[in-house]
All heavy atoms as atom14 arrays in JSON, in Angstrom:
{
  "sequence": "IGMIRPQIINPYPYEAYDEINYDVCKMILDV",
  "atom14_mask": [
    [1, 1, 1, 1, 1, 1, 1, 1, 0, 0, 0, 0, 0, 0],
    [1, 1, 1, 1, 0, 0, 0, 0, 0, 0, 0, 0, 0, 0],
    [1, 1, 1, 1, 1, 1, 1, 1, 0, 0, 0, 0, 0, 0],
    [1, 1, 1, 1, 1, 1, 1, 1, 0, 0, 0, 0, 0, 0],
    [1, 1, 1, 1, 1, 1, 1, 1, 1, 1, 1, 0, 0, 0],
    [1, 1, 1, 1, 1, 1, 1, 0, 0, 0, 0, 0, 0, 0],
    [1, 1, 1, 1, 1, 1, 1, 1, 1, 0, 0, 0, 0, 0],
    [1, 1, 1, 1, 1, 1, 1, 1, 0, 0, 0, 0, 0, 0],
    [1, 1, 1, 1, 1, 1, 1, 1, 0, 0, 0, 0, 0, 0],
    [1, 1, 1, 1, 1, 1, 1, 1, 0, 0, 0, 0, 0, 0],
    [1, 1, 1, 1, 1, 1, 1, 0, 0, 0, 0, 0, 0, 0],
    [1, 1, 1, 1, 1, 1, 1, 1, 1, 1, 1, 1, 0, 0],
    [1, 1, 1, 1, 1, 1, 1, 0, 0, 0, 0, 0, 0, 0],
    [1, 1, 1, 1, 1, 1, 1, 1, 1, 1, 1, 1, 0, 0],
    [1, 1, 1, 1, 1, 1, 1, 1, 1, 0, 0, 0, 0, 0],
    [1, 1, 1, 1, 1, 0, 0, 0, 0, 0, 0, 0, 0, 0],
    [1, 1, 1, 1, 1, 1, 1, 1, 1, 1, 1, 1, 0, 0],
    [1, 1, 1, 1, 1, 1, 1, 1, 0, 0, 0, 0, 0, 0],
    [1, 1, 1, 1, 1, 1, 1, 1, 1, 0, 0, 0, 0, 0],
    [1, 1, 1, 1, 1, 1, 1, 1, 0, 0, 0, 0, 0, 0],
    [1, 1, 1, 1, 1, 1, 1, 1, 0, 0, 0, 0, 0, 0],
    [1, 1, 1, 1, 1, 1, 1, 1, 1, 1, 1, 1, 0, 0],
    [1, 1, 1, 1, 1, 1, 1, 1, 0, 0, 0, 0, 0, 0],
    [1, 1, 1, 1, 1, 1, 1, 0, 0, 0, 0, 0, 0, 0],
    [1, 1, 1, 1, 1, 1, 0, 0, 0, 0, 0, 0, 0, 0],
    [1, 1, 1, 1, 1, 1, 1, 1, 1, 0, 0, 0, 0, 0],
    [1, 1, 1, 1, 1, 1, 1, 1, 0, 0, 0, 0, 0, 0],
    [1, 1, 1, 1, 1, 1, 1, 1, 0, 0, 0, 0, 0, 0],
    [1, 1, 1, 1, 1, 1, 1, 1, 0, 0, 0, 0, 0, 0],
    [1, 1, 1, 1, 1, 1, 1, 1, 0, 0, 0, 0, 0, 0],
    [1, 1, 1, 1, 1, 1, 1, 0, 0, 0, 0, 0, 0, 0]
  ],
  "atom14_positions": [
    [[120.97, 106.38, 101.14], [119.88, 106.13, 100.2], [119.57, 104.64, 100.18], [120.47, 103.8, 100.35], [120.28, 106.65, 98.78], [119.11, 106.48, 97.79], [121.55, 105.98, 98.28], [119.34, 107.22, 96.48], [0.0, 0.0, 0.0], [0.0, 0.0, 0.0], [0.0, 0.0, 0.0], [0.0, 0.0, 0.0], [0.0, 0.0, 0.0], [0.0, 0.0, 0.0]],
    [[118.3, 104.29, 100.01], [117.88, 102.9, 99.96], [116.8, 102.7, 98.91], [116.54, 103.59, 98.1], [0.0, 0.0, 0.0], [0.0, 0.0, 0.0], [0.0, 0.0, 0.0], [0.0, 0.0, 0.0], [0.0, 0.0, 0.0], [0.0, 0.0, 0.0], [0.0, 0.0, 0.0], [0.0, 0.0, 0.0], [0.0, 0.0, 0.0], [0.0, 0.0, 0.0]],
    [[116.19, 101.53, 98.93], [115.2, 101.22, 97.89], [114.15, 100.24, 98.38], [114.43, 99.35, 99.2], [115.9, 100.63, 96.66], [114.96, 100.28, 95.5], [115.8, 99.9, 93.95], [116.76, 98.46, 94.4], [0.0, 0.0, 0.0], [0.0, 0.0, 0.0], [0.0, 0.0, 0.0], [0.0, 0.0, 0.0], [0.0, 0.0, 0.0], [0.0, 0.0, 0.0]],
    [[112.95, 100.4, 97.84], [111.88, 99.41, 97.95], [111.59, 98.9, 96.55], [111.37, 99.7, 95.63], [110.6, 100.01, 98.57], [110.83, 100.36, 100.04], [109.42, 99.05, 98.42], [109.68, 101.1, 100.69], [0.0, 0.0, 0.0], [0.0, 0.0, 0.0], [0.0, 0.0, 0.0], [0.0, 0.0, 0.0], [0.0, 0.0, 0.0], [0.0, 0.0, 0.0]],
    [[111.63, 97.58, 96.38], [111.39, 96.98, 95.05], [110.28, 95.94, 95.13], [110.46, 94.86, 95.69], [112.65, 96.31, 94.51], [112.4, 95.58, 93.18], [113.67, 95.06, 92.57], [114.12, 93.81, 93.13], [113.82, 92.61, 92.6], [113.05, 92.51, 91.52], [114.29, 91.52, 93.16], [0.0, 0.0, 0.0], [0.0, 0.0, 0.0], [0.0, 0.0, 0.0]],
    [[109.11, 96.23, 94.56], [108.08, 95.19, 94.45], [108.51, 94.11, 93.47], [108.94, 94.41, 92.36], [106.85, 95.95, 93.93], [107.18, 97.4, 94.11], [108.67, 97.51, 94.04], [0.0, 0.0, 0.0], [0.0, 0.0, 0.0], [0.0, 0.0, 0.0], [0.0, 0.0, 0.0], [0.0, 0.0, 0.0], [0.0, 0.0, 0.0], [0.0, 0.0, 0.0]],
    [[108.38, 92.85, 93.9], [108.61, 91.73, 92.99], [107.29, 91.26, 92.38], [107.26, 90.72, 91.27], [109.29, 90.58, 93.73], [110.7, 90.92, 94.18], [111.25, 89.9, 95.14], [110.75, 89.74, 96.25], [112.29, 89.21, 94.72], [0.0, 0.0, 0.0], [0.0, 0.0, 0.0], [0.0, 0.0, 0.0], [0.0, 0.0, 0.0], [0.0, 0.0, 0.0]],
    [[106.23, 91.43, 93.13], [104.87, 91.29, 92.62], [104.25, 92.68, 92.67], [104.24, 93.31, 93.73], [104.06, 90.28, 93.45], [104.56, 88.86, 93.2], [102.57, 90.39, 93.14], [103.82, 87.79, 94.0], [0.0, 0.0, 0.0], [0.0, 0.0, 0.0], [0.0, 0.0, 0.0], [0.0, 0.0, 0.0], [0.0, 0.0, 0.0], [0.0, 0.0, 0.0]],
    [[103.78, 93.18, 91.54], [103.21, 94.53, 91.53], [101.7, 94.54, 91.66], [101.11, 95.61, 91.81], [103.67, 95.32, 90.28], [103.34, 94.55, 88.99], [105.16, 95.62, 90.37], [103.66, 95.34, 87.72], [0.0, 0.0, 0.0], [0.0, 0.0, 0.0], [0.0, 0.0, 0.0], [0.0, 0.0, 0.0], [0.0, 0.0, 0.0], [0.0, 0.0, 0.0]],
    [[101.1, 93.38, 91.62], [99.69, 93.25, 92.01], [99.52, 91.87, 92.65], [99.76, 90.87, 91.99], [98.73, 93.39, 90.84], [97.3, 93.54, 91.33], [96.98, 94.5, 92.01], [96.45, 92.6, 91.01], [0.0, 0.0, 0.0], [0.0, 0.0, 0.0], [0.0, 0.0, 0.0], [0.0, 0.0, 0.0], [0.0, 0.0, 0.0], [0.0, 0.0, 0.0]],
    [[99.17, 91.81, 93.95], [98.87, 92.94, 94.84], [100.12, 93.74, 95.17], [101.2, 93.16, 95.35], [98.29, 92.26, 96.08], [98.91, 90.9, 96.08], [99.02, 90.5, 94.65], [0.0, 0.0, 0.0], [0.0, 0.0, 0.0], [0.0, 0.0, 0.0], [0.0, 0.0, 0.0], [0.0, 0.0, 0.0], [0.0, 0.0, 0.0], [0.0, 0.0, 0.0]],
    [[99.94, 95.04, 95.28], [101.09, 95.92, 95.52], [101.48, 95.93, 97.0], [100.6, 95.91, 97.87], [100.75, 97.35, 95.08], [101.97, 98.24, 95.0], [102.8, 98.2, 93.89], [102.31, 99.1, 96.04], [103.94, 98.99, 93.81], [103.45, 99.88, 95.97], [104.26, 99.84, 94.85], [105.39, 100.6, 94.79], [0.0, 0.0, 0.0], [0.0, 0.0, 0.0]],
    [[102.78, 95.98, 97.3], [103.23, 95.93, 98.69], [103.16, 97.29, 99.39], [104.18, 97.88, 99.75], [104.66, 95.43, 98.57], [105.13, 95.98, 97.27], [103.93, 95.91, 96.36], [0.0, 0.0, 0.0], [0.0, 0.0, 0.0], [0.0, 0.0, 0.0], [0.0, 0.0, 0.0], [0.0, 0.0, 0.0], [0.0, 0.0, 0.0], [0.0, 0.0, 0.0]],
    [[101.96, 97.79, 99.59], [101.81, 99.08, 100.26], [102.46, 99.06, 101.64], [103.01, 100.07, 102.1], [100.33, 99.43, 100.38], [99.61, 99.58, 99.06], [98.66, 98.65, 98.65], [99.91, 100.63, 98.2], [98.01, 98.78, 97.44], [99.26, 100.76, 96.97], [98.31, 99.83, 96.59], [97.68, 99.96, 95.4], [0.0, 0.0, 0.0], [0.0, 0.0, 0.0]],
    [[102.41, 97.91, 102.3], [102.95, 97.81, 103.66], [104.45, 98.02, 103.71], [105.01, 98.37, 104.76], [102.6, 96.45, 104.27], [103.29, 95.25, 103.66], [102.64, 94.7, 102.39], [101.76, 95.39, 101.82], [103.01, 93.59, 101.97], [0.0, 0.0, 0.0], [0.0, 0.0, 0.0], [0.0, 0.0, 0.0], [0.0, 0.0, 0.0], [0.0, 0.0, 0.0]],
    [[105.15, 97.83, 102.58], [106.6, 98.02, 102.57], [106.98, 99.44, 102.94], [108.02, 99.69, 103.57], [107.16, 97.68, 101.19], [0.0, 0.0, 0.0], [0.0, 0.0, 0.0], [0.0, 0.0, 0.0], [0.0, 0.0, 0.0], [0.0, 0.0, 0.0], [0.0, 0.0, 0.0], [0.0, 0.0, 0.0], [0.0, 0.0, 0.0], [0.0, 0.0, 0.0]],
    [[106.13, 100.39, 102.58], [106.44, 101.8, 102.82], [106.26, 102.19, 104.28], [106.7, 103.27, 104.7], [105.6, 102.68, 101.89], [105.98, 102.48, 100.44], [105.52, 101.37, 99.72], [106.83, 103.37, 99.79], [105.89, 101.16, 98.4], [107.2, 103.17, 98.48], [106.73, 102.07, 97.78], [107.12, 101.87, 96.47], [0.0, 0.0, 0.0], [0.0, 0.0, 0.0]],
    [[105.63, 101.31, 105.06], [105.54, 101.55, 106.5], [106.88, 101.27, 107.19], [107.07, 101.65, 108.35], [104.45, 100.66, 107.12], [103.06, 101.02, 106.61], [102.86, 102.18, 106.19], [102.17, 100.13, 106.62], [0.0, 0.0, 0.0], [0.0, 0.0, 0.0], [0.0, 0.0, 0.0], [0.0, 0.0, 0.0], [0.0, 0.0, 0.0], [0.0, 0.0, 0.0]],
    [[107.79, 100.6, 106.49], [109.11, 100.3, 107.05], [110.06, 101.5, 106.97], [111.13, 101.49, 107.58], [109.73, 99.1, 106.33], [108.94, 97.81, 106.48], [109.6, 96.64, 105.78], [110.83, 96.7, 105.57], [108.89, 95.69, 105.43], [0.0, 0.0, 0.0], [0.0, 0.0, 0.0], [0.0, 0.0, 0.0], [0.0, 0.0, 0.0], [0.0, 0.0, 0.0]],
    [[109.67, 102.52, 106.23], [110.5, 103.71, 106.1], [110.44, 104.52, 107.4], [109.37, 104.7, 107.99], [110.03, 104.58, 104.92], [110.21, 103.83, 103.59], [110.78, 105.91, 104.88], [109.6, 104.54, 102.39], [0.0, 0.0, 0.0], [0.0, 0.0, 0.0], [0.0, 0.0, 0.0], [0.0, 0.0, 0.0], [0.0, 0.0, 0.0], [0.0, 0.0, 0.0]],
    [[111.57, 105.01, 107.84], [111.62, 105.92, 108.99], [111.41, 107.34, 108.46], [112.34, 107.98, 107.96], [112.96, 105.81, 109.7], [113.03, 106.68, 110.94], [112.19, 107.55, 111.17], [114.06, 106.48, 111.76], [0.0, 0.0, 0.0], [0.0, 0.0, 0.0], [0.0, 0.0, 0.0], [0.0, 0.0, 0.0], [0.0, 0.0, 0.0], [0.0, 0.0, 0.0]],
    [[110.18, 107.84, 108.58], [109.86, 109.14, 107.99], [110.42, 110.3, 108.8], [110.35, 111.45, 108.35], [108.35, 109.26, 107.81], [107.82, 108.35, 106.71], [107.25, 107.12, 107.02], [107.94, 108.7, 105.38], [106.8, 106.26, 106.02], [107.49, 107.86, 104.37], [106.92, 106.64, 104.7], [106.47, 105.81, 103.7], [0.0, 0.0, 0.0], [0.0, 0.0, 0.0]],
    [[110.97, 110.03, 109.97], [111.7, 111.06, 110.69], [113.06, 111.31, 110.05], [113.65, 112.38, 110.22], [111.9, 110.66, 112.16], [110.59, 110.61, 112.93], [109.68, 111.39, 112.58], [110.48, 109.81, 113.87], [0.0, 0.0, 0.0], [0.0, 0.0, 0.0], [0.0, 0.0, 0.0], [0.0, 0.0, 0.0], [0.0, 0.0, 0.0], [0.0, 0.0, 0.0]],
    [[113.53, 110.32, 109.32], [114.83, 110.41, 108.66], [114.68, 110.66, 107.16], [115.39, 111.47, 106.58], [115.64, 109.11, 108.9], [116.93, 109.11, 108.09], [115.93, 108.93, 110.38], [0.0, 0.0, 0.0], [0.0, 0.0, 0.0], [0.0, 0.0, 0.0], [0.0, 0.0, 0.0], [0.0, 0.0, 0.0], [0.0, 0.0, 0.0], [0.0, 0.0, 0.0]],
    [[113.76, 109.95, 106.55], [113.58, 110.04, 105.09], [112.97, 111.39, 104.7], [111.94, 111.79, 105.23], [112.7, 108.9, 104.59], [112.45, 108.91, 102.81], [0.0, 0.0, 0.0], [0.0, 0.0, 0.0], [0.0, 0.0, 0.0], [0.0, 0.0, 0.0], [0.0, 0.0, 0.0], [0.0, 0.0, 0.0], [0.0, 0.0, 0.0], [0.0, 0.0, 0.0]],
    [[113.61, 112.05, 103.75], [113.16, 113.38, 103.32], [112.59, 113.38, 101.91], [112.03, 114.39, 101.47], [114.31, 114.38, 103.4], [114.95, 114.48, 104.78], [113.93, 114.81, 105.86], [114.58, 114.88, 107.24], [113.56, 115.06, 108.31], [0.0, 0.0, 0.0], [0.0, 0.0, 0.0], [0.0, 0.0, 0.0], [0.0, 0.0, 0.0], [0.0, 0.0, 0.0]],
    [[112.75, 112.25, 101.17], [112.27, 112.22, 99.79], [112.14, 110.79, 99.3], [113.0, 109.95, 99.57], [113.22, 112.98, 98.87], [112.74, 113.12, 97.43], [111.32, 114.24, 97.29], [112.09, 115.82, 97.69], [0.0, 0.0, 0.0], [0.0, 0.0, 0.0], [0.0, 0.0, 0.0], [0.0, 0.0, 0.0], [0.0, 0.0, 0.0], [0.0, 0.0, 0.0]],
    [[111.06, 110.52, 98.57], [110.9, 109.26, 97.83], [111.13, 109.58, 96.36], [110.57, 110.55, 95.83], [109.48, 108.67, 97.99], [109.09, 108.54, 99.46], [109.37, 107.34, 97.26], [109.87, 107.52, 100.23], [0.0, 0.0, 0.0], [0.0, 0.0, 0.0], [0.0, 0.0, 0.0], [0.0, 0.0, 0.0], [0.0, 0.0, 0.0], [0.0, 0.0, 0.0]],
    [[111.95, 108.78, 95.71], [112.22, 108.97, 94.28], [111.69, 107.78, 93.5], [112.23, 106.67, 93.59], [113.73, 109.14, 94.04], [114.15, 109.36, 92.58], [113.56, 110.66, 92.03], [115.66, 109.35, 92.44], [0.0, 0.0, 0.0], [0.0, 0.0, 0.0], [0.0, 0.0, 0.0], [0.0, 0.0, 0.0], [0.0, 0.0, 0.0], [0.0, 0.0, 0.0]],
    [[110.61, 108.01, 92.76], [110.04, 106.97, 91.9], [110.84, 106.91, 90.61], [110.96, 107.92, 89.9], [108.58, 107.29, 91.61], [108.0, 106.42, 90.52], [107.94, 105.19, 90.72], [107.61, 106.96, 89.46], [0.0, 0.0, 0.0], [0.0, 0.0, 0.0], [0.0, 0.0, 0.0], [0.0, 0.0, 0.0], [0.0, 0.0, 0.0], [0.0, 0.0, 0.0]],
    [[111.4, 105.73, 90.32], [112.22, 105.54, 89.12], [111.53, 104.54, 88.21], [111.28, 103.4, 88.61], [113.63, 105.03, 89.49], [114.45, 104.75, 88.23], [114.35, 106.05, 90.38], [0.0, 0.0, 0.0], [0.0, 0.0, 0.0], [0.0, 0.0, 0.0], [0.0, 0.0, 0.0], [0.0, 0.0, 0.0], [0.0, 0.0, 0.0], [0.0, 0.0, 0.0]]
  ]
}
Protein backbone atom coordinates (compact mmCIF):
# COMPACT_ATOMS: atom_id res chain seq x y z
CA ILE A 1 0.00 0.00 0.00
CA GLY A 2 1.18 3.54 -0.75
CA MET A 3 -0.03 7.12 -0.80
CA ILE A 4 -0.28 10.30 -2.84
CA ARG A 5 -0.41 13.47 -0.73
CA PRO A 6 -1.03 16.90 -2.28
CA GLN A 7 0.82 19.64 -0.40
CA ILE A 8 -0.82 22.26 -2.57
CA ILE A 9 -4.44 21.37 -3.30
CA ASN A 10 -4.91 24.13 -5.85
CA PRO A 11 -3.54 23.68 -8.43
CA TYR A 12 -4.21 20.01 -7.83
CA PRO A 13 -1.47 17.48 -8.72
CA TYR A 14 -3.47 15.44 -11.22
CA GLU A 15 -0.19 14.31 -12.78
CA ALA A 16 0.76 12.48 -9.57
CA TYR A 17 -1.80 9.79 -10.35
CA ASP A 18 -0.02 9.00 -13.61
CA GLU A 19 2.80 7.59 -11.47
CA ILE A 20 0.56 4.76 -10.29
CA ASN A 21 1.13 1.38 -11.94
CA TYR A 22 -2.48 0.53 -12.81
CA ASP A 23 -1.48 -2.99 -13.80
CA VAL A 24 -0.68 -3.52 -10.13
CA CYS A 25 -2.97 -1.10 -8.30
CA LYS A 26 -6.45 -2.49 -7.73
CA MET A 27 -8.00 0.27 -5.59
CA ILE A 28 -7.65 3.95 -4.69
CA LEU A 29 -8.78 4.82 -1.17
CA ASP A 30 -9.71 8.47 -0.62
CA VAL A 31 -9.23 9.34 3.05
